[in-house]
């Protein structure tokens, strides 16, 4: 298998896997928020899943979606 085909297959695989991981992370966050909403890990996860306005704009500007 050539490198281009392998890279294309890998990137397609990662694109398909991302939404599933995102769903899992959101479920994990909801459970954590019910148990320990003030815990630092919960707050960090919330910031990663639901970034603020300026962080979203900055990520779009640098191309890091």
N, C-alpha and C. Protein backbone atom coordinates (compact mmCIF):
# COMPACT_ATOMS: atom_id res chain seq x y z
N UNK A 1 0.86 -1.18 0.00
CA UNK A 1 0.00 0.00 0.00
C UNK A 1 0.90 1.24 0.00
N UNK A 2 0.60 2.16 -0.89
CA UNK A 2 1.42 3.36 -0.98
C UNK A 2 1.17 4.28 0.21
N UNK A 3 2.12 5.20 0.40
CA UNK A 3 2.01 6.13 1.53
C UNK A 3 0.80 7.03 1.41
N UNK A 4 0.47 7.46 0.17
CA UNK A 4 -0.69 8.34 -0.02
C UNK A 4 -1.98 7.63 0.35
N UNK A 5 -2.12 6.38 -0.09
CA UNK A 5 -3.33 5.62 0.24
C UNK A 5 -3.42 5.39 1.75
N UNK A 6 -2.27 5.07 2.35
CA UNK A 6 -2.25 4.82 3.79
C UNK A 6 -2.63 6.09 4.56
N UNK A 7 -2.08 7.23 4.13
CA UNK A 7 -2.38 8.51 4.80
C UNK A 7 -3.85 8.86 4.63
N UNK A 8 -4.38 8.65 3.42
CA UNK A 8 -5.79 8.96 3.17
C UNK A 8 -6.69 8.06 4.02
N UNK A 9 -6.34 6.77 4.11
CA UNK A 9 -7.13 5.83 4.90
C UNK A 9 -7.08 6.21 6.38
N UNK A 10 -5.90 6.58 6.86
CA UNK A 10 -5.74 6.96 8.26
C UNK A 10 -6.52 8.22 8.58
N UNK A 11 -6.44 9.23 7.73
CA UNK A 11 -7.15 10.48 8.01
C UNK A 11 -8.66 10.26 7.95
N UNK A 12 -9.14 9.43 7.01
CA UNK A 12 -10.57 9.15 6.95
C UNK A 12 -11.01 8.40 8.20
N UNK A 13 -10.17 7.50 8.67
CA UNK A 13 -10.50 6.74 9.88
C UNK A 13 -10.60 7.67 11.08
N UNK A 14 -9.68 8.62 11.18
CA UNK A 14 -9.71 9.55 12.30
C UNK A 14 -10.91 10.49 12.23
N UNK A 15 -11.27 10.90 11.03
CA UNK A 15 -12.43 11.77 10.88
C UNK A 15 -13.69 11.06 11.31
N UNK A 16 -13.81 9.79 10.98
CA UNK A 16 -14.99 9.03 11.37
C UNK A 16 -15.01 8.74 12.86
N UNK A 17 -13.85 8.64 13.47
CA UNK A 17 -13.78 8.29 14.88
C UNK A 17 -14.02 9.48 15.79
N UNK A 18 -13.76 10.68 15.32
CA UNK A 18 -13.85 11.87 16.16
C UNK A 18 -15.23 12.09 16.76
N UNK A 19 -16.32 12.02 15.99
CA UNK A 19 -17.63 12.25 16.60
C UNK A 19 -17.96 11.25 17.72
N UNK A 20 -17.53 10.00 17.56
CA UNK A 20 -17.80 9.02 18.59
C UNK A 20 -17.05 9.39 19.87
N UNK A 21 -15.80 9.80 19.74
CA UNK A 21 -15.02 10.22 20.90
C UNK A 21 -15.62 11.47 21.53
N UNK A 22 -16.14 12.35 20.70
CA UNK A 22 -16.76 13.57 21.21
C UNK A 22 -18.02 13.24 22.01
N UNK A 23 -18.83 12.32 21.50
CA UNK A 23 -20.02 11.90 22.24
C UNK A 23 -19.63 11.30 23.58
N UNK A 24 -18.62 10.46 23.56
CA UNK A 24 -18.16 9.82 24.79
C UNK A 24 -17.66 10.86 25.79
N UNK A 25 -16.92 11.84 25.31
CA UNK A 25 -16.40 12.90 26.18
C UNK A 25 -17.54 13.73 26.77
N UNK A 26 -18.56 14.01 25.97
CA UNK A 26 -19.70 14.77 26.48
C UNK A 26 -20.47 13.99 27.54
N UNK A 27 -20.63 12.68 27.32
CA UNK A 27 -21.30 11.85 28.33
C UNK A 27 -20.49 11.82 29.62
N UNK A 28 -19.18 11.67 29.48
CA UNK A 28 -18.30 11.65 30.64
C UNK A 28 -18.38 12.97 31.40
N UNK A 29 -18.40 14.08 30.66
CA UNK A 29 -18.50 15.39 31.29
C UNK A 29 -19.81 15.53 32.06
N UNK A 30 -20.91 15.09 31.45
CA UNK A 30 -22.22 15.20 32.13
C UNK A 30 -22.23 14.42 33.43
N UNK A 31 -21.65 13.22 33.42
CA UNK A 31 -21.59 12.43 34.65
C UNK A 31 -20.71 13.10 35.69
N UNK A 32 -19.56 13.60 35.26
CA UNK A 32 -18.66 14.29 36.18
C UNK A 32 -19.30 15.54 36.76
N UNK A 33 -20.03 16.28 35.92
CA UNK A 33 -20.66 17.52 36.36
C UNK A 33 -21.71 17.24 37.44
N UNK A 34 -22.40 16.12 37.33
CA UNK A 34 -23.39 15.77 38.35
C UNK A 34 -22.73 15.42 39.67
N UNK A 35 -21.58 14.76 39.60
CA UNK A 35 -20.90 14.29 40.81
C UNK A 35 -20.06 15.39 41.45
N UNK A 36 -19.20 16.01 40.64
CA UNK A 36 -18.26 17.00 41.18
C UNK A 36 -18.11 18.15 40.20
N UNK A 37 -19.04 19.07 40.23
CA UNK A 37 -19.01 20.16 39.25
C UNK A 37 -17.87 21.16 39.49
N UNK A 38 -17.39 21.28 40.70
CA UNK A 38 -16.32 22.23 41.00
C UNK A 38 -14.93 21.62 40.93
N UNK A 39 -14.84 20.35 40.61
CA UNK A 39 -13.55 19.68 40.55
C UNK A 39 -12.75 20.18 39.35
N UNK A 40 -11.44 20.39 39.49
CA UNK A 40 -10.64 20.96 38.40
C UNK A 40 -10.69 20.16 37.09
N UNK A 41 -10.74 18.85 37.16
CA UNK A 41 -10.80 18.05 35.93
C UNK A 41 -12.10 18.31 35.19
N UNK A 42 -13.19 18.47 35.91
CA UNK A 42 -14.48 18.76 35.29
C UNK A 42 -14.44 20.12 34.61
N UNK A 43 -13.86 21.09 35.25
CA UNK A 43 -13.77 22.43 34.67
C UNK A 43 -12.89 22.43 33.43
N UNK A 44 -11.78 21.69 33.48
CA UNK A 44 -10.89 21.60 32.33
C UNK A 44 -11.57 20.93 31.14
N UNK A 45 -12.33 19.88 31.42
CA UNK A 45 -13.04 19.17 30.37
C UNK A 45 -14.12 20.06 29.76
N UNK A 46 -14.79 20.84 30.59
CA UNK A 46 -15.81 21.76 30.08
C UNK A 46 -15.19 22.79 29.14
N UNK A 47 -14.02 23.30 29.51
CA UNK A 47 -13.34 24.28 28.65
C UNK A 47 -12.92 23.67 27.33
N UNK A 48 -12.53 22.40 27.34
CA UNK A 48 -12.14 21.73 26.10
C UNK A 48 -13.35 21.44 25.21
N UNK A 49 -14.44 20.99 25.82
CA UNK A 49 -15.63 20.64 25.04
C UNK A 49 -16.40 21.86 24.57
N UNK A 50 -16.50 22.85 25.43
CA UNK A 50 -17.30 24.04 25.13
C UNK A 50 -16.45 25.30 25.30
N UNK A 51 -15.56 25.56 24.33
CA UNK A 51 -14.68 26.73 24.46
C UNK A 51 -15.47 28.04 24.36
N UNK A 52 -14.92 29.08 24.94
CA UNK A 52 -15.55 30.39 24.91
C UNK A 52 -15.50 31.01 23.52
N UNK A 53 -16.16 32.14 23.39
CA UNK A 53 -16.28 32.83 22.11
C UNK A 53 -14.92 33.16 21.51
N UNK A 54 -14.05 33.83 22.27
CA UNK A 54 -12.77 34.26 21.74
C UNK A 54 -11.86 33.08 21.41
N UNK A 55 -11.92 32.02 22.19
CA UNK A 55 -11.12 30.84 21.91
C UNK A 55 -11.58 30.18 20.61
N UNK A 56 -12.89 30.12 20.37
CA UNK A 56 -13.40 29.56 19.12
C UNK A 56 -12.94 30.39 17.93
N UNK A 57 -13.03 31.71 18.04
CA UNK A 57 -12.60 32.60 16.96
C UNK A 57 -11.10 32.43 16.71
N UNK A 58 -10.30 32.38 17.76
CA UNK A 58 -8.86 32.22 17.62
C UNK A 58 -8.52 30.90 16.94
N UNK A 59 -9.18 29.82 17.33
CA UNK A 59 -8.92 28.52 16.72
C UNK A 59 -9.28 28.52 15.24
N UNK A 60 -10.35 29.21 14.87
CA UNK A 60 -10.71 29.30 13.45
C UNK A 60 -9.68 30.09 12.68
N UNK A 61 -9.14 31.14 13.30
CA UNK A 61 -8.14 31.97 12.64
C UNK A 61 -6.85 31.20 12.38
N UNK A 62 -6.44 30.38 13.33
CA UNK A 62 -5.19 29.64 13.14
C UNK A 62 -5.42 28.30 12.45
N UNK A 63 -6.66 27.93 12.23
CA UNK A 63 -6.96 26.69 11.53
C UNK A 63 -6.88 25.46 12.39
N UNK A 64 -7.12 25.60 13.67
CA UNK A 64 -7.04 24.48 14.60
C UNK A 64 -8.44 24.13 15.08
N UNK A 65 -9.25 23.55 14.19
CA UNK A 65 -10.63 23.20 14.56
C UNK A 65 -10.70 21.86 15.21
